[in-house]
Amino acid sequence: MLSVLDAQVLEGVAGGESTVQLASRLYLSRQGIEYRVGQMLRRFDAPNRPALVARAHALGMFAVGQWPPRVLPERVK
C-alpha cells in the first residue's frame, strides 16, 4: 500500500519526470521528492529509479495498458 503522495511520486517517476518536474507539479521541495523516492527505493529494495518502476510493475501496482502509468486505486490507502 502507498500513500496518495507516494503513488503520485511513483507515477511521475514511471512517467519519466525529473525530480524538479515532480517537485513543481506536486508543490514539494526537491529534497521532499528525493526523500519520498529514497523511501520507496528502500521499501521495494530497488537500487535506482528504473528498478523501482520495474519492481512496482512486477508487483502489479500499475494499471495495465495505460499511459501515463497510474497506480491502481486498491494499492493506495
Protein backbone atom coordinates (compact mmCIF):
# COMPACT_ATOMS: atom_id res chain seq x y z
CA MET A 1 0.00 0.00 0.00
CA LEU A 2 1.15 3.50 -0.84
CA SER A 3 0.03 6.87 0.41
CA VAL A 4 -1.61 9.16 -2.12
CA LEU A 5 1.55 11.27 -2.29
CA ASP A 6 3.81 8.23 -2.73
CA ALA A 7 1.54 6.99 -5.53
CA GLN A 8 1.79 10.36 -7.28
CA VAL A 9 5.58 10.35 -6.95
CA LEU A 10 5.80 6.76 -8.25
CA GLU A 11 3.57 7.63 -11.21
CA GLY A 12 5.80 10.59 -12.03
CA VAL A 13 8.96 8.50 -11.79
CA ALA A 14 7.37 5.84 -14.01
CA GLY A 15 6.37 8.54 -16.49
CA GLY A 16 9.95 9.83 -16.70
CA GLU A 17 9.54 13.06 -14.75
CA SER A 18 12.64 14.53 -13.15
CA THR A 19 12.90 15.48 -9.51
CA VAL A 20 12.45 19.16 -10.41
CA GLN A 21 9.37 18.43 -12.54
CA LEU A 22 7.81 16.33 -9.78
CA ALA A 23 8.59 18.95 -7.15
CA SER A 24 6.96 21.66 -9.25
CA ARG A 25 3.86 19.60 -10.09
CA LEU A 26 3.31 18.32 -6.53
CA TYR A 27 4.27 21.59 -4.79
CA LEU A 28 7.08 19.96 -2.82
CA SER A 29 10.77 20.73 -2.47
CA ARG A 30 13.35 18.77 -4.44
CA GLN A 31 14.53 17.32 -1.15
CA GLY A 32 10.97 16.24 -0.35
CA ILE A 33 10.76 14.34 -3.64
CA GLU A 34 14.18 12.75 -3.11
CA TYR A 35 13.12 11.71 0.39
CA ARG A 36 9.96 10.03 -0.93
CA VAL A 37 11.83 8.31 -3.76
CA GLY A 38 14.51 7.17 -1.32
CA GLN A 39 11.89 5.66 0.98
CA MET A 40 10.32 3.77 -1.92
CA LEU A 41 13.73 2.57 -3.15
CA ARG A 42 14.32 1.03 0.27
CA ARG A 43 10.79 -0.34 0.58
CA PHE A 44 10.95 -2.04 -2.83
CA ASP A 45 14.64 -2.98 -2.39
CA ALA A 46 15.49 -1.24 -5.67
CA PRO A 47 18.94 0.21 -6.45
CA ASN A 48 17.66 3.01 -8.72
CA ARG A 49 14.56 4.61 -10.25
CA PRO A 50 14.22 2.29 -13.28
CA ALA A 51 14.45 -0.73 -10.97
CA LEU A 52 11.83 0.85 -8.69
CA VAL A 53 9.41 1.18 -11.60
CA ALA A 54 10.17 -2.37 -12.76
CA ARG A 55 9.56 -3.80 -9.28
CA ALA A 56 6.33 -1.84 -8.84
CA HIS A 57 5.16 -3.10 -12.25
CA ALA A 58 6.11 -6.69 -11.39
CA LEU A 59 4.09 -6.39 -8.16
CA GLY A 60 1.03 -5.30 -10.16
CA MET A 61 0.95 -1.76 -8.79
CA PHE A 62 0.17 -0.11 -12.16
CA ALA A 63 -2.98 -0.26 -14.28
CA VAL A 64 -2.31 -2.28 -17.43
CA GLY A 65 -2.28 -0.57 -20.83
CA GLN A 66 -2.41 2.98 -19.53
CA TRP A 67 -0.09 5.89 -20.28
CA PRO A 68 0.99 7.76 -18.30
CA PRO A 69 1.27 4.99 -15.69
CA ARG A 70 -1.28 5.10 -12.88
CA VAL A 71 -1.13 3.25 -9.58
CA LEU A 72 -4.21 1.07 -9.09
CA PRO A 73 -6.66 2.63 -6.59
CA GLU A 74 -6.66 -0.52 -4.44
CA ARG A 75 -2.90 -0.02 -3.89
CA VAL A 76 -3.43 3.45 -2.36
CA LYS A 77 -4.54 3.98 1.22
